[in-house]
Amino acid sequence: MSDQRRYVPILKGRDGEYGALESLTPESKDRLTPVIELPPIPWNFEEERPDRTIDTHLKKVSQKLSRAWGTGREFFLDFLWIAEEERMGDGGHPVDFVFDSARARTLCPIPVVGLIRSEGYLAACANAVRQDNRGVCIRLQREDFAEFLDLGAELSRVVASVGTSREDADILLDCRALTPESRHLGVEGALNLISRIPDLAQWRRSLWRRLPSLRI
């Protein structure tokens, strides 16, 4: 995945998105690296409780990933929408469960972390980094640039927390959707944020969520 000019779509891990990935040709898959966000557990509004357990919710994730994306191709896996306090029935962390299942199917996920993630989440991602040796992806959002005065220190903290180095970490700048009306402003804004990432050349890959027309 040395080509940094690849498409990085951010997808919800739902059946429609899995179906779209499955329909891609091998040549198309070779030109993109998706970020797959595992969706939250649905809420049962009538009974005022989660609709299922976390075990049931995550049981078929690796199976769906295997069918939709296949083995041998890396992809980013983000647990952003899974509640931080969730634990499997045996007390294990959801990240450990999904990555263990993916490993059994010889899938190649890379964990996605951020500057505001719990210590438990980072520790579980560190387990995946140590076992799989595929590094980590740090997802930056626009709010991070305003909230953290020393962005470099925060990035170093996260890298150390997952037990890797900048040379084995990707920076993903999530600029969210760029509409036709805001395209010019979006490109300028993205360029400004990218220029504020410290020591950009030290990172393994610098990626950004973008429209296909946005090139840097």
C-alpha atoms as a PDB file:
ATOM      1  CA  MET A   1       0.000   0.000   0.000  1.00  0.00           C
ATOM      2  CA  SER A   2       2.828   2.355  -0.866  1.00  0.00           C
ATOM      3  CA  ASP A   3       0.749   4.542  -3.192  1.00  0.00           C
ATOM      4  CA  GLN A   4      -0.637   7.377  -1.086  1.00  0.00           C
ATOM      5  CA  ARG A   5      -2.948   8.534  -3.892  1.00  0.00           C
ATOM      6  CA  ARG A   6      -5.478   5.825  -3.242  1.00  0.00           C
ATOM      7  CA  TYR A   7      -9.148   6.243  -2.471  1.00  0.00           C
ATOM      8  CA  VAL A   8      -9.996   5.927   1.208  1.00  0.00           C
ATOM      9  CA  PRO A   9     -13.784   5.644   1.597  1.00  0.00           C
ATOM     10  CA  ILE A  10     -15.257   5.613   5.088  1.00  0.00           C
ATOM     11  CA  LEU A  11     -18.027   3.009   5.199  1.00  0.00           C
ATOM     12  CA  LYS A  12     -20.490   1.807   7.781  1.00  0.00           C
ATOM     13  CA  GLY A  13     -20.173  -1.912   8.414  1.00  0.00           C
ATOM     14  CA  ARG A  14     -23.717  -2.649   7.270  1.00  0.00           C
ATOM     15  CA  ASP A  15     -25.011  -5.153   4.739  1.00  0.00           C
ATOM     16  CA  GLY A  16     -25.381  -2.572   1.956  1.00  0.00           C
ATOM     17  CA  GLU A  17     -21.784  -1.423   2.276  1.00  0.00           C
ATOM     18  CA  TYR A  18     -20.498  -4.987   2.505  1.00  0.00           C
ATOM     19  CA  GLY A  19     -22.453  -5.810  -0.637  1.00  0.00           C
ATOM     20  CA  ALA A  20     -20.934  -2.837  -2.458  1.00  0.00           C
ATOM     21  CA  LEU A  21     -17.420  -3.942  -1.538  1.00  0.00           C
ATOM     22  CA  GLU A  22     -18.150  -7.506  -2.590  1.00  0.00           C
ATOM     23  CA  SER A  23     -19.293  -6.313  -6.027  1.00  0.00           C
ATOM     24  CA  LEU A  24     -15.993  -4.541  -6.783  1.00  0.00           C
ATOM     25  CA  THR A  25     -13.547  -6.084  -9.201  1.00  0.00           C
ATOM     26  CA  PRO A  26     -10.128  -7.139  -7.877  1.00  0.00           C
ATOM     27  CA  GLU A  27      -8.577  -4.275  -9.871  1.00  0.00           C
ATOM     28  CA  SER A  28     -10.843  -1.746  -8.134  1.00  0.00           C
ATOM     29  CA  LYS A  29     -10.088  -3.196  -4.707  1.00  0.00           C
ATOM     30  CA  ASP A  30      -6.375  -2.822  -5.386  1.00  0.00           C
ATOM     31  CA  ARG A  31      -6.851   0.948  -5.772  1.00  0.00           C
ATOM     32  CA  LEU A  32      -8.648   1.654  -2.512  1.00  0.00           C
ATOM     33  CA  THR A  33      -8.325   1.006   1.191  1.00  0.00           C
ATOM     34  CA  PRO A  34     -11.656   1.325   3.006  1.00  0.00           C
ATOM     35  CA  VAL A  35     -12.194   2.481   6.543  1.00  0.00           C
ATOM     36  CA  ILE A  36     -14.947   0.261   7.900  1.00  0.00           C
ATOM     37  CA  GLU A  37     -16.796   1.624  10.914  1.00  0.00           C
ATOM     38  CA  LEU A  38     -18.568  -1.005  12.971  1.00  0.00           C
ATOM     39  CA  PRO A  39     -22.077   0.333  13.639  1.00  0.00           C
ATOM     40  CA  PRO A  40     -23.502   0.729  17.147  1.00  0.00           C
ATOM     41  CA  ILE A  41     -25.821  -1.826  18.658  1.00  0.00           C
ATOM     42  CA  PRO A  42     -29.396  -0.974  17.573  1.00  0.00           C
ATOM     43  CA  TRP A  43     -31.684   0.361  20.301  1.00  0.00           C
ATOM     44  CA  ASN A  44     -35.038  -1.216  21.108  1.00  0.00           C
ATOM     45  CA  PHE A  45     -37.165   1.853  21.786  1.00  0.00           C
ATOM     46  CA  GLU A  46     -40.227  -0.113  22.858  1.00  0.00           C
ATOM     47  CA  GLU A  47     -38.376  -1.951  25.610  1.00  0.00           C
ATOM     48  CA  GLU A  48     -35.804   0.816  26.274  1.00  0.00           C
ATOM     49  CA  ARG A  49     -32.792  -1.451  25.984  1.00  0.00           C
ATOM     50  CA  PRO A  50     -30.182  -2.544  23.444  1.00  0.00           C
ATOM     51  CA  ASP A  51     -31.686  -4.745  20.762  1.00  0.00           C
ATOM     52  CA  ARG A  52     -28.964  -7.410  21.149  1.00  0.00           C
ATOM     53  CA  THR A  53     -25.839  -8.245  23.090  1.00  0.00           C
ATOM     54  CA  ILE A  54     -22.416  -7.146  21.907  1.00  0.00           C
ATOM     55  CA  ASP A  55     -21.549 -10.819  21.322  1.00  0.00           C
ATOM     56  CA  THR A  56     -24.449 -11.241  18.902  1.00  0.00           C
ATOM     57  CA  HIS A  57     -23.751  -7.863  17.305  1.00  0.00           C
ATOM     58  CA  LEU A  58     -20.153  -8.733  16.448  1.00  0.00           C
ATOM     59  CA  LYS A  59     -20.517 -12.469  15.869  1.00  0.00           C
ATOM     60  CA  LYS A  60     -20.574 -12.358  12.057  1.00  0.00           C
ATOM     61  CA  VAL A  61     -18.343  -9.333  11.437  1.00  0.00           C
ATOM     62  CA  SER A  62     -15.283 -11.297  10.341  1.00  0.00           C
ATOM     63  CA  GLN A  63     -17.423 -13.554   8.147  1.00  0.00           C
ATOM     64  CA  LYS A  64     -18.927 -10.540   6.375  1.00  0.00           C
ATOM     65  CA  LEU A  65     -15.522  -8.897   5.988  1.00  0.00           C
ATOM     66  CA  SER A  66     -14.095 -12.081   4.513  1.00  0.00           C
ATOM     67  CA  ARG A  67     -16.866 -12.337   1.945  1.00  0.00           C
ATOM     68  CA  ALA A  68     -16.865  -8.628   1.060  1.00  0.00           C
ATOM     69  CA  TRP A  69     -13.148  -7.813   1.033  1.00  0.00           C
ATOM     70  CA  GLY A  70     -11.252 -11.077   1.088  1.00  0.00           C
ATOM     71  CA  THR A  71      -7.802 -11.961   2.345  1.00  0.00           C
ATOM     72  CA  GLY A  72      -4.479 -10.413   1.462  1.00  0.00           C
ATOM     73  CA  ARG A  73      -5.725  -6.815   1.225  1.00  0.00           C
ATOM     74  CA  GLU A  74      -5.374  -4.423   4.126  1.00  0.00           C
ATOM     75  CA  PHE A  75      -8.286  -2.336   5.372  1.00  0.00           C
ATOM     76  CA  PHE A  76      -8.844  -0.019   8.302  1.00  0.00           C
ATOM     77  CA  LEU A  77     -11.239  -1.070  11.067  1.00  0.00           C
ATOM     78  CA  ASP A  78     -12.725   1.548  13.394  1.00  0.00           C
ATOM     79  CA  PHE A  79     -14.800   0.872  16.534  1.00  0.00           C
ATOM     80  CA  LEU A  80     -15.773   4.545  16.869  1.00  0.00           C
ATOM     81  CA  TRP A  81     -19.489   3.786  17.284  1.00  0.00           C
ATOM     82  CA  ILE A  82     -19.117   0.887  19.732  1.00  0.00           C
ATOM     83  CA  ALA A  83     -19.678   2.191  23.266  1.00  0.00           C
ATOM     84  CA  GLU A  84     -16.428   2.403  25.225  1.00  0.00           C
ATOM     85  CA  GLU A  85     -17.859   0.430  28.139  1.00  0.00           C
ATOM     86  CA  GLU A  86     -18.975  -2.537  26.043  1.00  0.00           C
ATOM     87  CA  ARG A  87     -17.367  -5.870  26.896  1.00  0.00           C
ATOM     88  CA  MET A  88     -17.956  -9.334  25.524  1.00  0.00           C
ATOM     89  CA  GLY A  89     -19.786 -11.958  27.577  1.00  0.00           C
ATOM     90  CA  ASP A  90     -16.465 -13.387  28.742  1.00  0.00           C
ATOM     91  CA  GLY A  91     -15.203  -9.948  29.803  1.00  0.00           C
ATOM     92  CA  GLY A  92     -12.956  -9.453  26.774  1.00  0.00           C
ATOM     93  CA  HIS A  93     -12.733  -6.268  24.753  1.00  0.00           C
ATOM     94  CA  PRO A  94     -14.702  -6.094  21.463  1.00  0.00           C
ATOM     95  CA  VAL A  95     -11.506  -5.136  19.620  1.00  0.00           C
ATOM     96  CA  ASP A  96      -9.797  -8.322  20.794  1.00  0.00           C
ATOM     97  CA  PHE A  97     -12.785 -10.420  19.753  1.00  0.00           C
ATOM     98  CA  VAL A  98     -13.055  -8.999  16.228  1.00  0.00           C
ATOM     99  CA  PHE A  99      -9.319  -9.048  15.559  1.00  0.00           C
ATOM    100  CA  ASP A 100      -9.021 -12.619  16.858  1.00  0.00           C
ATOM    101  CA  SER A 101     -11.854 -13.627  14.528  1.00  0.00           C
ATOM    102  CA  ALA A 102     -10.268 -11.753  11.614  1.00  0.00           C
ATOM    103  CA  ARG A 103      -6.931 -13.415  12.309  1.00  0.00           C
ATOM    104  CA  ALA A 104      -8.548 -16.840  12.172  1.00  0.00           C
ATOM    105  CA  ARG A 105      -9.816 -15.997   8.677  1.00  0.00           C
ATOM    106  CA  THR A 106      -6.438 -14.543   7.579  1.00  0.00           C
ATOM    107  CA  LEU A 107      -7.921 -11.074   7.096  1.00  0.00           C
ATOM    108  CA  CYS A 108      -5.669  -7.997   7.220  1.00  0.00           C
ATOM    109  CA  PRO A 109      -7.321  -5.286   9.326  1.00  0.00           C
ATOM    110  CA  ILE A 110      -5.428  -2.280  10.689  1.00  0.00           C
ATOM    111  CA  PRO A 111      -6.887  -0.771  13.887  1.00  0.00           C
ATOM    112  CA  VAL A 112      -8.028   2.849  13.770  1.00  0.00           C
ATOM    113  CA  VAL A 113      -7.428   5.032  16.816  1.00  0.00           C
ATOM    114  CA  GLY A 114      -7.913   8.707  17.565  1.00  0.00           C
ATOM    115  CA  LEU A 115      -6.825  11.393  19.974  1.00  0.00           C
ATOM    116  CA  ILE A 116      -9.946  10.917  22.111  1.00  0.00           C
ATOM    117  CA  ARG A 117     -10.154   7.179  22.726  1.00  0.00           C
ATOM    118  CA  SER A 118     -10.203   5.369  26.073  1.00  0.00           C
ATOM    119  CA  GLU A 119      -7.155   3.696  27.582  1.00  0.00           C
ATOM    120  CA  GLY A 120      -8.954   0.357  27.327  1.00  0.00           C
ATOM    121  CA  TYR A 121      -9.533   0.846  23.621  1.00  0.00           C
ATOM    122  CA  LEU A 122      -5.931   1.842  23.000  1.00  0.00           C
ATOM    123  CA  ALA A 123      -4.706  -1.148  24.993  1.00  0.00           C
ATOM    124  CA  ALA A 124      -6.834  -3.516  22.912  1.00  0.00           C
ATOM    125  CA  CYS A 125      -5.539  -1.917  19.712  1.00  0.00           C
ATOM    126  CA  ALA A 126      -2.009  -2.334  21.061  1.00  0.00           C
ATOM    127  CA  ASN A 127      -2.686  -6.082  21.300  1.00  0.00           C
ATOM    128  CA  ALA A 128      -3.672  -6.135  17.636  1.00  0.00           C
ATOM    129  CA  VAL A 129      -0.618  -4.093  16.625  1.00  0.00           C
ATOM    130  CA  ARG A 130       1.683  -6.446  18.509  1.00  0.00           C
ATOM    131  CA  GLN A 131       0.159  -9.634  17.104  1.00  0.00           C
ATOM    132  CA  ASP A 132      -0.378  -8.562  13.495  1.00  0.00           C
ATOM    133  CA  ASN A 133       2.568  -6.236  12.907  1.00  0.00           C
ATOM    134  CA  ARG A 134       0.548  -4.045  10.532  1.00  0.00           C
ATOM    135  CA  GLY A 135       0.836  -0.829  12.498  1.00  0.00           C
ATOM    136  CA  VAL A 136      -2.022   1.532  13.233  1.00  0.00           C
ATOM    137  CA  CYS A 137      -4.079   4.293  11.654  1.00  0.00           C
ATOM    138  CA  ILE A 138      -4.638   7.557  13.551  1.00  0.00           C
ATOM    139  CA  ARG A 139      -7.822   9.269  12.469  1.00  0.00           C
ATOM    140  CA  LEU A 140      -7.740  13.039  12.819  1.00  0.00           C
ATOM    141  CA  GLN A 141     -10.841  15.204  12.611  1.00  0.00           C
ATOM    142  CA  ARG A 142     -11.094  18.956  12.268  1.00  0.00           C
ATOM    143  CA  GLU A 143     -12.066  19.367  15.898  1.00  0.00           C
ATOM    144  CA  ASP A 144      -8.757  17.857  17.014  1.00  0.00           C
ATOM    145  CA  PHE A 145      -6.822  20.791  15.566  1.00  0.00           C
ATOM    146  CA  ALA A 146      -8.797  23.244  17.705  1.00  0.00           C
ATOM    147  CA  GLU A 147      -8.926  21.149  20.879  1.00  0.00           C
ATOM    148  CA  PHE A 148      -5.267  20.159  21.193  1.00  0.00           C
ATOM    149  CA  LEU A 149      -2.720  22.959  21.320  1.00  0.00           C
ATOM    150  CA  ASP A 150       0.232  20.562  21.000  1.00  0.00           C
ATOM    151  CA  LEU A 151      -0.934  18.176  18.285  1.00  0.00           C
ATOM    152  CA  GLY A 152       2.506  16.613  17.964  1.00  0.00           C
ATOM    153  CA  ALA A 153       2.569  15.629  21.635  1.00  0.00           C
ATOM    154  CA  GLU A 154      -0.888  14.066  21.388  1.00  0.00           C
ATOM    155  CA  LEU A 155       0.080  12.088  18.319  1.00  0.00           C
ATOM    156  CA  SER A 156       3.212  10.847  20.069  1.00  0.00           C
ATOM    157  CA  ARG A 157       1.137   9.827  23.091  1.00  0.00           C
ATOM    158  CA  VAL A 158      -1.235   7.754  20.979  1.00  0.00           C
ATOM    159  CA  VAL A 159       1.595   6.123  19.033  1.00  0.00           C
ATOM    160  CA  ALA A 160       3.317   5.159  22.288  1.00  0.00           C
ATOM    161  CA  SER A 161       0.042   3.862  23.754  1.00  0.00           C
ATOM    162  CA  VAL A 162      -0.368   1.329  20.959  1.00  0.00           C
ATOM    163  CA  GLY A 163       3.292   0.326  21.022  1.00  0.00           C
ATOM    164  CA  THR A 164       4.386   1.385  17.565  1.00  0.00           C
ATOM    165  CA  SER A 165       6.265   4.209  15.841  1.00  0.00           C
ATOM    166  CA  ARG A 166       5.433   6.954  13.385  1.00  0.00           C
ATOM    167  CA  GLU A 167       7.102   4.935  10.650  1.00  0.00           C
ATOM    168  CA  ASP A 168       4.442   2.236  11.174  1.00  0.00           C
ATOM    169  CA  ALA A 169       1.477   4.562  11.610  1.00  0.00           C
ATOM    170  CA  ASP A 170      -0.842   6.133   9.057  1.00  0.00           C
ATOM    171  CA  ILE A 171      -2.407   9.560   9.457  1.00  0.00           C
ATOM    172  CA  LEU A 172      -5.971   9.722   8.170  1.00  0.00           C
ATOM    173  CA  LEU A 173      -7.428  13.215   7.933  1.00  0.00           C
ATOM    174  CA  ASP A 174     -11.206  12.954   7.889  1.00  0.00           C
ATOM    175  CA  CYS A 175     -12.482  16.105   6.162  1.00  0.00           C
ATOM    176  CA  ARG A 176     -15.974  14.647   5.956  1.00  0.00           C
ATOM    177  CA  ALA A 177     -18.086  15.161   2.836  1.00  0.00           C
ATOM    178  CA  LEU A 178     -17.181  17.835   0.306  1.00  0.00           C
ATOM    179  CA  THR A 179     -20.224  19.100  -1.555  1.00  0.00           C
ATOM    180  CA  PRO A 180     -20.021  20.774  -4.993  1.00  0.00           C
ATOM    181  CA  GLU A 181     -20.831  24.100  -3.319  1.00  0.00           C
ATOM    182  CA  SER A 182     -18.093  23.788  -0.694  1.00  0.00           C
ATOM    183  CA  ARG A 183     -15.483  22.029  -2.825  1.00  0.00           C
ATOM    184  CA  HIS A 184     -13.109  24.999  -3.117  1.00  0.00           C
ATOM    185  CA  LEU A 185     -13.351  25.810   0.577  1.00  0.00           C
ATOM    186  CA  GLY A 186     -12.994  22.114   1.403  1.00  0.00           C
ATOM    187  CA  VAL A 187      -9.767  21.737  -0.570  1.00  0.00           C
ATOM    188  CA  GLU A 188      -8.280  24.880   0.957  1.00  0.00           C
ATOM    189  CA  GLY A 189      -9.334  23.770   4.427  1.00  0.00           C
ATOM    190  CA  ALA A 190      -7.828  20.324   3.947  1.00  0.00           C
ATOM    191  CA  LEU A 191      -4.549  21.803   2.732  1.00  0.00           C
ATOM    192  CA  ASN A 192      -4.435  24.076   5.774  1.00  0.00           C
ATOM    193  CA  LEU A 193      -5.032  21.188   8.192  1.00  0.00           C
ATOM    194  CA  ILE A 194      -2.467  18.996   6.462  1.00  0.00           C
ATOM    195  CA  SER A 195       0.139  21.765   6.785  1.00  0.00           C
ATOM    196  CA  ARG A 196      -0.457  21.794  10.553  1.00  0.00           C
ATOM    197  CA  ILE A 197       0.325  18.099  11.084  1.00  0.00           C
ATOM    198  CA  PRO A 198       3.821  17.997  12.632  1.00  0.00           C
ATOM    199  CA  ASP A 199       6.607  16.109  10.853  1.00  0.00           C
ATOM    200  CA  LEU A 200       4.271  14.792   8.168  1.00  0.00           C
ATOM    201  CA  ALA A 201       7.063  13.060   6.246  1.00  0.00           C
ATOM    202  CA  GLN A 202       7.863  10.830   9.232  1.00  0.00           C
ATOM    203  CA  TRP A 203       4.567   8.970   9.060  1.00  0.00           C
ATOM    204  CA  ARG A 204       4.118   5.786   7.051  1.00  0.00           C
ATOM    205  CA  ARG A 205       1.278   7.180   4.950  1.00  0.00           C
ATOM    206  CA  SER A 206      -0.650  10.415   4.945  1.00  0.00           C
ATOM    207  CA  LEU A 207      -4.200   9.748   3.817  1.00  0.00           C
ATOM    208  CA  TRP A 208      -7.358  11.782   3.723  1.00  0.00           C
ATOM    209  CA  ARG A 209     -11.006  11.090   3.278  1.00  0.00           C
ATOM    210  CA  ARG A 210     -11.775  12.850   0.059  1.00  0.00           C
ATOM    211  CA  LEU A 211     -13.721  13.033  -3.138  1.00  0.00           C
ATOM    212  CA  PRO A 212     -11.925  11.391  -6.067  1.00  0.00           C
ATOM    213  CA  SER A 213     -11.215  14.857  -7.489  1.00  0.00           C
ATOM    214  CA  LEU A 214      -9.192  16.019  -4.475  1.00  0.00           C
ATOM    215  CA  ARG A 215      -5.484  15.470  -5.096  1.00  0.00           C
ATOM    216  CA  ILE A 216      -2.479  16.857  -3.229  1.00  0.00           C
END
